[in-house]
Amino acid sequence: MLEQLPSIELTLVIGTYAQAWHLKPAGGGANLTATVGAWREHGARVLPLPHPSPRNNGWLQRNPWFEADVLPELKERVRALRGR
C-alpha cells in the first residue's frame, strides 16, 4: 500500500513492532533504544520513535538524549513539511 503513496516525505515509525516491520533490512527491531538511538542512520524520510505512552516515562527518563536530540529534529522536520 505504501508504494501507492509516492509523495510520503516523512514516516514516523512508532514503537518496537512498527520498527521491526518497517526497518527490517536496516536493523530495526534490535531493541527500542538501539533503533531510536540510530535515528540518523534512517535518512531524512524515516524517524523511529518510542510509543507515546505513559508506560514509557521510565524509558524517557533513562534516555535523556531522546528529548535533547530526537524531539527537536522531529519538530524541525514537521515544521519544514508544514511550510510547503
Protein backbone atom coordinates (compact mmCIF):
# COMPACT_ATOMS: atom_id res chain seq x y z
CA MET A 1 0.00 0.00 0.00
CA LEU A 2 2.82 2.43 0.79
CA GLU A 3 4.06 2.03 -2.78
CA GLN A 4 0.79 3.63 -3.90
CA LEU A 5 1.66 6.80 -1.96
CA PRO A 6 4.75 8.18 -3.72
CA SER A 7 4.73 11.60 -2.06
CA ILE A 8 5.27 10.47 1.55
CA GLU A 9 8.04 12.70 2.82
CA LEU A 10 8.21 11.60 6.46
CA THR A 11 7.36 8.27 8.06
CA LEU A 12 7.20 8.15 11.85
CA VAL A 13 7.92 4.55 12.83
CA ILE A 14 6.43 4.42 16.32
CA GLY A 15 7.14 1.56 18.71
CA THR A 16 9.05 -1.69 18.53
CA TYR A 17 6.51 -3.62 16.45
CA ALA A 18 6.39 -0.93 13.75
CA GLN A 19 10.18 -0.64 13.79
CA ALA A 20 10.62 -4.40 13.44
CA TRP A 21 8.26 -4.37 10.44
CA HIS A 22 9.36 -1.22 8.60
CA LEU A 23 13.07 -1.22 9.41
CA LYS A 24 13.83 -4.95 9.00
CA PRO A 25 16.64 -4.54 6.44
CA ALA A 26 18.13 -1.58 8.32
CA GLY A 27 18.37 -3.32 11.68
CA GLY A 28 15.01 -2.31 13.11
CA GLY A 29 13.74 -4.43 15.94
CA ALA A 30 17.09 -4.95 17.71
CA ASN A 31 15.57 -3.11 20.65
CA LEU A 32 13.82 0.20 21.05
CA THR A 33 16.79 2.07 22.50
CA ALA A 34 19.19 0.91 19.80
CA THR A 35 16.77 1.58 16.96
CA VAL A 36 15.71 5.03 18.16
CA GLY A 37 19.32 5.83 19.09
CA ALA A 38 20.34 5.16 15.49
CA TRP A 39 17.72 7.57 14.13
CA ARG A 40 20.28 9.42 11.99
CA GLU A 41 21.01 6.23 10.04
CA HIS A 42 17.49 6.04 8.63
CA GLY A 43 17.68 9.15 6.46
CA ALA A 44 15.51 12.22 6.24
CA ARG A 45 12.27 10.38 5.41
CA VAL A 46 12.11 7.96 8.35
CA LEU A 47 12.19 8.68 12.06
CA PRO A 48 11.92 5.81 14.59
CA LEU A 49 10.23 6.87 17.83
CA PRO A 50 9.12 5.25 21.08
CA HIS A 51 5.40 4.76 21.55
CA PRO A 52 3.88 7.89 23.18
CA SER A 53 2.55 6.11 26.24
CA PRO A 54 2.72 6.96 29.93
CA ARG A 55 4.25 3.49 30.34
CA ASN A 56 7.34 4.83 28.56
CA ASN A 57 8.08 7.55 31.10
CA GLY A 58 10.82 5.39 32.61
CA TRP A 59 12.40 4.89 29.19
CA LEU A 60 12.29 8.64 28.57
CA GLN A 61 13.98 9.32 31.93
CA ARG A 62 16.72 6.76 31.21
CA ASN A 63 17.33 8.17 27.73
CA PRO A 64 17.52 11.99 28.03
CA TRP A 65 19.22 12.15 24.60
CA PHE A 66 15.79 11.46 23.07
CA GLU A 67 14.31 14.71 24.34
CA ALA A 68 17.54 16.63 23.70
CA ASP A 69 18.30 15.35 20.19
CA VAL A 70 15.39 13.50 18.58
CA LEU A 71 12.42 15.65 19.57
CA PRO A 72 13.96 18.88 18.21
CA GLU A 73 14.70 17.03 14.96
CA LEU A 74 11.12 15.75 14.79
CA LYS A 75 9.77 19.25 15.37
CA GLU A 76 12.03 20.70 12.69
CA ARG A 77 11.12 18.07 10.11
CA VAL A 78 7.39 18.56 10.71
CA ARG A 79 7.79 22.35 10.64
CA ALA A 80 9.63 22.17 7.32
CA LEU A 81 6.97 19.93 5.78
CA ARG A 82 4.12 22.12 7.01
CA GLY A 83 5.78 25.18 5.49
CA ARG A 84 5.49 23.78 1.98
